[in-house]
């Protein structure tokens, strides 16, 4: 058992899911035939680095922003990188993402 109350098996499965995002290319980049498209993991990392640029006097919780940037697209390991141009964005993605229990993910990570 880990310090957050999850089993070692659960932790390994979580890391396996995270690892899938290294191979999942961003749909918009692929659809626009961009050479060397960014992966979802690349995007999450870049967003985390962007949060490091936040003003030190900001009222934002920088640590929380970094965590949010790192986990904000984890559901894409299950549902793929859905864009507004896919035709499913307004209806299907929220229900798919809710089925993944985002509150549980939030509670474990944040």
N, C-alpha and C. Protein backbone atom coordinates (compact mmCIF):
# COMPACT_ATOMS: atom_id res chain seq x y z
N UNK A 1 0.85 -1.18 0.00
CA UNK A 1 0.00 0.00 0.00
C UNK A 1 0.89 1.24 0.00
N UNK A 2 0.47 2.24 -0.75
CA UNK A 2 1.22 3.48 -0.81
C UNK A 2 0.71 4.45 0.25
N UNK A 3 1.34 5.60 0.35
CA UNK A 3 0.95 6.58 1.37
C UNK A 3 -0.42 7.17 1.12
N UNK A 4 -0.93 7.13 -0.09
CA UNK A 4 -2.25 7.68 -0.39
C UNK A 4 -3.34 6.62 -0.32
N UNK A 5 -3.02 5.45 0.17
CA UNK A 5 -4.02 4.42 0.35
C UNK A 5 -4.35 3.63 -0.90
N UNK A 6 -3.50 3.67 -1.91
CA UNK A 6 -3.75 2.84 -3.08
C UNK A 6 -2.71 1.72 -3.10
N UNK A 7 -3.07 0.62 -3.71
CA UNK A 7 -2.17 -0.53 -3.74
C UNK A 7 -1.07 -0.31 -4.77
N UNK A 8 -0.02 -1.08 -4.63
CA UNK A 8 1.08 -1.02 -5.59
C UNK A 8 0.57 -1.40 -6.98
N UNK A 9 -0.34 -2.36 -7.04
CA UNK A 9 -0.91 -2.77 -8.32
C UNK A 9 -1.67 -1.62 -8.97
N UNK A 10 -2.45 -0.89 -8.18
CA UNK A 10 -3.19 0.27 -8.70
C UNK A 10 -2.23 1.34 -9.19
N UNK A 11 -1.16 1.56 -8.46
CA UNK A 11 -0.18 2.58 -8.85
C UNK A 11 0.48 2.21 -10.17
N UNK A 12 0.83 0.94 -10.34
CA UNK A 12 1.45 0.49 -11.58
C UNK A 12 0.47 0.64 -12.75
N UNK A 13 -0.79 0.29 -12.53
CA UNK A 13 -1.81 0.45 -13.58
C UNK A 13 -1.98 1.92 -13.96
N UNK A 14 -2.00 2.79 -12.96
CA UNK A 14 -2.11 4.23 -13.21
C UNK A 14 -0.93 4.71 -14.06
N UNK A 15 0.27 4.27 -13.74
CA UNK A 15 1.45 4.68 -14.49
C UNK A 15 1.44 4.10 -15.91
N UNK A 16 0.89 2.90 -16.07
CA UNK A 16 0.75 2.31 -17.41
C UNK A 16 -0.18 3.17 -18.27
N UNK A 17 -1.29 3.60 -17.66
CA UNK A 17 -2.25 4.45 -18.36
C UNK A 17 -1.58 5.78 -18.76
N UNK A 18 -0.82 6.35 -17.83
CA UNK A 18 -0.10 7.59 -18.13
C UNK A 18 0.87 7.38 -19.29
N UNK A 19 1.52 6.23 -19.31
CA UNK A 19 2.49 5.93 -20.36
C UNK A 19 1.87 5.87 -21.74
N UNK A 20 0.60 5.50 -21.82
CA UNK A 20 -0.08 5.45 -23.12
C UNK A 20 -0.13 6.82 -23.78
N UNK A 21 -0.15 7.86 -22.97
CA UNK A 21 -0.26 9.22 -23.50
C UNK A 21 0.99 9.66 -24.25
N UNK A 22 2.12 8.96 -24.03
CA UNK A 22 3.34 9.28 -24.77
C UNK A 22 3.19 8.91 -26.24
N UNK A 23 2.36 7.92 -26.52
CA UNK A 23 2.19 7.44 -27.89
C UNK A 23 0.95 8.02 -28.58
N UNK A 24 0.06 8.66 -27.82
CA UNK A 24 -1.16 9.23 -28.39
C UNK A 24 -0.86 10.62 -28.94
N UNK A 25 -0.90 10.75 -30.25
CA UNK A 25 -0.60 12.03 -30.90
C UNK A 25 -1.81 12.95 -30.83
N UNK A 26 -1.57 14.24 -30.71
CA UNK A 26 -2.66 15.22 -30.66
C UNK A 26 -3.38 15.24 -32.00
N UNK A 27 -4.68 15.07 -31.93
CA UNK A 27 -5.51 14.92 -33.12
C UNK A 27 -5.41 16.10 -34.07
N UNK A 28 -5.46 17.30 -33.54
CA UNK A 28 -5.38 18.49 -34.40
C UNK A 28 -4.09 18.53 -35.20
N UNK A 29 -3.00 18.13 -34.58
CA UNK A 29 -1.71 18.13 -35.27
C UNK A 29 -1.72 17.09 -36.40
N UNK A 30 -2.26 15.90 -36.09
CA UNK A 30 -2.32 14.83 -37.09
C UNK A 30 -3.24 15.24 -38.24
N UNK A 31 -4.41 15.77 -37.91
CA UNK A 31 -5.38 16.18 -38.94
C UNK A 31 -4.84 17.26 -39.86
N UNK A 32 -3.93 18.08 -39.34
CA UNK A 32 -3.34 19.16 -40.15
C UNK A 32 -1.98 18.76 -40.72
N UNK A 33 -1.66 17.47 -40.63
CA UNK A 33 -0.44 16.91 -41.23
C UNK A 33 0.83 17.62 -40.76
N UNK A 34 0.86 17.96 -39.48
CA UNK A 34 2.06 18.58 -38.90
C UNK A 34 3.13 17.51 -38.77
N UNK A 35 4.32 17.81 -39.24
CA UNK A 35 5.44 16.88 -39.15
C UNK A 35 5.87 16.74 -37.69
N UNK A 36 5.99 15.52 -37.20
CA UNK A 36 6.38 15.29 -35.82
C UNK A 36 5.35 15.80 -34.83
N UNK A 37 4.11 15.31 -34.91
CA UNK A 37 3.05 15.83 -34.04
C UNK A 37 3.34 15.61 -32.56
N UNK A 38 2.90 16.56 -31.78
CA UNK A 38 3.05 16.51 -30.33
C UNK A 38 2.16 15.40 -29.77
N UNK A 39 2.64 14.70 -28.75
CA UNK A 39 1.80 13.71 -28.07
C UNK A 39 1.02 14.41 -26.96
N UNK A 40 0.01 13.72 -26.44
CA UNK A 40 -0.76 14.27 -25.33
C UNK A 40 0.16 14.47 -24.12
N UNK A 41 1.08 13.53 -23.89
CA UNK A 41 2.03 13.68 -22.78
C UNK A 41 2.93 14.90 -22.99
N UNK A 42 3.37 15.13 -24.23
CA UNK A 42 4.16 16.33 -24.54
C UNK A 42 3.37 17.58 -24.16
N UNK A 43 2.10 17.60 -24.53
CA UNK A 43 1.23 18.74 -24.25
C UNK A 43 1.07 18.96 -22.74
N UNK A 44 0.85 17.88 -22.00
CA UNK A 44 0.67 18.01 -20.55
C UNK A 44 1.94 18.56 -19.90
N UNK A 45 3.09 18.07 -20.35
CA UNK A 45 4.36 18.54 -19.82
C UNK A 45 4.56 20.03 -20.13
N UNK A 46 4.27 20.41 -21.38
CA UNK A 46 4.44 21.82 -21.77
C UNK A 46 3.52 22.72 -20.94
N UNK A 47 2.30 22.26 -20.69
CA UNK A 47 1.37 23.05 -19.87
C UNK A 47 1.92 23.20 -18.44
N UNK A 48 2.49 22.14 -17.91
CA UNK A 48 3.08 22.22 -16.57
C UNK A 48 4.23 23.22 -16.56
N UNK A 49 5.05 23.21 -17.60
CA UNK A 49 6.15 24.17 -17.69
C UNK A 49 5.62 25.60 -17.79
N UNK A 50 4.51 25.78 -18.50
CA UNK A 50 3.90 27.12 -18.61
C UNK A 50 3.50 27.65 -17.24
N UNK A 51 3.03 26.76 -16.37
CA UNK A 51 2.61 27.22 -15.04
C UNK A 51 3.80 27.72 -14.23
N UNK A 52 5.00 27.24 -14.54
CA UNK A 52 6.18 27.73 -13.84
C UNK A 52 6.45 29.20 -14.15
N UNK A 53 5.89 29.68 -15.25
CA UNK A 53 6.09 31.07 -15.65
C UNK A 53 5.11 32.02 -14.97
N UNK A 54 4.18 31.48 -14.18
CA UNK A 54 3.22 32.34 -13.49
C UNK A 54 3.94 33.30 -12.57
N UNK A 55 3.42 34.49 -12.48
CA UNK A 55 3.98 35.53 -11.62
C UNK A 55 4.02 35.04 -10.17
N UNK A 56 5.14 35.22 -9.51
CA UNK A 56 5.30 34.81 -8.13
C UNK A 56 4.37 35.51 -7.16
N UNK A 57 3.88 36.69 -7.52
CA UNK A 57 2.97 37.44 -6.66
C UNK A 57 1.51 37.11 -6.94
N UNK A 58 1.28 36.16 -7.82
CA UNK A 58 -0.08 35.81 -8.21
C UNK A 58 -0.83 35.19 -7.04
N UNK A 59 -2.14 35.36 -7.03
CA UNK A 59 -2.97 34.73 -6.00
C UNK A 59 -3.24 33.27 -6.33
N UNK A 60 -2.75 32.81 -7.48
CA UNK A 60 -2.94 31.41 -7.86
C UNK A 60 -2.03 30.50 -7.05
N UNK A 61 -2.51 29.32 -6.76
CA UNK A 61 -1.72 28.29 -6.09
C UNK A 61 -0.90 27.58 -7.18
N UNK A 62 0.37 27.94 -7.28
CA UNK A 62 1.23 27.45 -8.36
C UNK A 62 1.35 25.92 -8.35
N UNK A 63 1.48 25.33 -7.18
CA UNK A 63 1.60 23.87 -7.08
C UNK A 63 0.35 23.20 -7.61
N UNK A 64 -0.80 23.72 -7.24
CA UNK A 64 -2.07 23.16 -7.72
C UNK A 64 -2.19 23.33 -9.24
N UNK A 65 -1.76 24.46 -9.76
CA UNK A 65 -1.80 24.69 -11.21
C UNK A 65 -0.91 23.69 -11.95
N UNK A 66 0.26 23.41 -11.40
CA UNK A 66 1.16 22.43 -12.01
C UNK A 66 0.50 21.06 -12.02
N UNK A 67 -0.09 20.67 -10.89
CA UNK A 67 -0.77 19.37 -10.83
C UNK A 67 -1.91 19.29 -11.84
N UNK A 68 -2.68 20.35 -11.94
CA UNK A 68 -3.80 20.37 -12.90
C UNK A 68 -3.29 20.24 -14.33
N UNK A 69 -2.20 20.91 -14.64
CA UNK A 69 -1.63 20.84 -15.99
C UNK A 69 -1.16 19.42 -16.32
N UNK A 70 -0.62 18.74 -15.32
CA UNK A 70 -0.11 17.39 -15.54
C UNK A 70 -1.25 16.39 -15.74
N UNK A 71 -2.35 16.54 -15.04
CA UNK A 71 -3.41 15.52 -15.10
C UNK A 71 -4.60 15.89 -15.98
N UNK A 72 -4.65 17.09 -16.53
CA UNK A 72 -5.88 17.55 -17.18
C UNK A 72 -6.33 16.73 -18.38
N UNK A 73 -5.46 15.99 -19.00
CA UNK A 73 -5.84 15.18 -20.16
C UNK A 73 -5.69 13.68 -19.93
N UNK A 74 -5.64 13.23 -18.69
CA UNK A 74 -5.49 11.80 -18.43
C UNK A 74 -6.61 10.96 -19.04
N UNK A 75 -7.82 11.48 -19.07
CA UNK A 75 -8.95 10.73 -19.63
C UNK A 75 -8.71 10.38 -21.09
N UNK A 76 -7.86 11.13 -21.76
CA UNK A 76 -7.61 10.87 -23.17
C UNK A 76 -6.93 9.53 -23.41
N UNK A 77 -6.35 8.93 -22.37
CA UNK A 77 -5.79 7.59 -22.53
C UNK A 77 -6.91 6.57 -22.75
N UNK A 78 -8.14 6.92 -22.39
CA UNK A 78 -9.30 6.05 -22.60
C UNK A 78 -10.14 6.48 -23.80
N UNK A 79 -10.34 7.79 -23.96
CA UNK A 79 -11.29 8.28 -24.98
C UNK A 79 -10.60 8.84 -26.22
N UNK A 80 -9.29 8.97 -26.19
CA UNK A 80 -8.58 9.57 -27.32
C UNK A 80 -8.57 11.09 -27.21
N UNK A 81 -7.88 11.71 -28.12
CA UNK A 81 -7.78 13.18 -28.14
C UNK A 81 -8.90 13.71 -29.02
N UNK A 82 -10.03 14.01 -28.40
CA UNK A 82 -11.22 14.48 -29.11
C UNK A 82 -11.15 15.99 -29.26
N UNK A 83 -11.37 16.45 -30.49
CA UNK A 83 -11.37 17.89 -30.75
C UNK A 83 -12.79 18.36 -31.05
N UNK A 84 -13.04 19.66 -31.01
CA UNK A 84 -14.38 20.17 -31.36
C UNK A 84 -14.79 19.82 -32.79
N UNK A 85 -13.83 19.54 -33.66
CA UNK A 85 -14.11 19.24 -35.06
C UNK A 85 -14.45 17.78 -35.31
N UNK A 86 -14.40 16.94 -34.26
CA UNK A 86 -14.71 15.51 -34.41
C UNK A 86 -16.20 15.22 -34.48
N UNK A 87 -17.03 16.18 -34.10
CA UNK A 87 -18.47 15.97 -34.13
C UNK A 87 -19.03 15.28 -32.91
N UNK A 88 -18.18 14.93 -31.94
CA UNK A 88 -18.65 14.27 -30.72
C UNK A 88 -18.40 15.12 -29.49
N UNK A 89 -17.77 16.25 -29.69
CA UNK A 89 -17.29 17.04 -28.56
C UNK A 89 -18.39 17.50 -27.61
N UNK A 90 -19.48 17.99 -28.12
CA UNK A 90 -20.51 18.57 -27.26
C UNK A 90 -21.31 17.58 -26.46
N UNK A 91 -21.37 16.32 -26.92
CA UNK A 91 -22.28 15.38 -26.28
C UNK A 91 -21.57 14.18 -25.67
N UNK A 92 -20.76 13.50 -26.44
CA UNK A 92 -20.19 12.24 -26.00
C UNK A 92 -19.01 12.38 -25.06
N UNK A 93 -18.12 13.33 -25.29
CA UNK A 93 -16.92 13.43 -24.47
C UNK A 93 -17.23 13.66 -22.99
N UNK A 94 -18.14 14.58 -22.64
CA UNK A 94 -18.42 14.75 -21.21
C UNK A 94 -18.94 13.48 -20.55
N UNK A 95 -19.82 12.75 -21.23
CA UNK A 95 -20.35 11.54 -20.61
C UNK A 95 -19.28 10.46 -20.49
N UNK A 96 -18.40 10.38 -21.49
CA UNK A 96 -17.30 9.42 -21.41
C UNK A 96 -16.36 9.79 -20.28
N UNK A 97 -16.01 11.06 -20.19
CA UNK A 97 -15.10 11.51 -19.14
C UNK A 97 -15.70 11.32 -17.76
N UNK A 98 -16.99 11.59 -17.61
CA UNK A 98 -17.64 11.39 -16.31
C UNK A 98 -17.62 9.93 -15.90
N UNK A 99 -17.72 9.04 -16.87
CA UNK A 99 -17.69 7.61 -16.56
C UNK A 99 -16.35 7.20 -15.98
N UNK A 100 -15.32 8.00 -16.20
CA UNK A 100 -13.99 7.69 -15.69
C UNK A 100 -13.81 8.14 -14.25
N UNK A 101 -14.85 8.74 -13.66
CA UNK A 101 -14.85 9.20 -12.28
C UNK A 101 -13.74 10.22 -12.02
N UNK A 102 -13.88 11.41 -12.58
CA UNK A 102 -12.86 12.44 -12.40
C UNK A 102 -12.68 12.88 -10.95
N UNK A 103 -13.72 12.77 -10.14
CA UNK A 103 -13.58 13.16 -8.73
C UNK A 103 -12.59 12.24 -8.02
N UNK A 104 -12.65 10.94 -8.34
CA UNK A 104 -11.71 10.00 -7.76
C UNK A 104 -10.29 10.36 -8.18
N UNK A 105 -10.10 10.68 -9.47
CA UNK A 105 -8.78 11.09 -9.95
C UNK A 105 -8.33 12.36 -9.24
N UNK A 106 -9.23 13.31 -9.11
CA UNK A 106 -8.92 14.56 -8.43
C UNK A 106 -8.49 14.30 -6.99
N UNK A 107 -9.25 13.46 -6.29
CA UNK A 107 -8.96 13.18 -4.88
C UNK A 107 -7.60 12.51 -4.72
N UNK A 108 -7.23 11.65 -5.64
CA UNK A 108 -5.95 10.94 -5.54
C UNK A 108 -4.76 11.83 -5.88
N UNK A 109 -4.94 12.72 -6.84
CA UNK A 109 -3.81 13.50 -7.34
C UNK A 109 -3.67 14.85 -6.65
N UNK A 110 -4.76 15.52 -6.43
CA UNK A 110 -4.72 16.88 -5.90
C UNK A 110 -4.62 16.84 -4.38
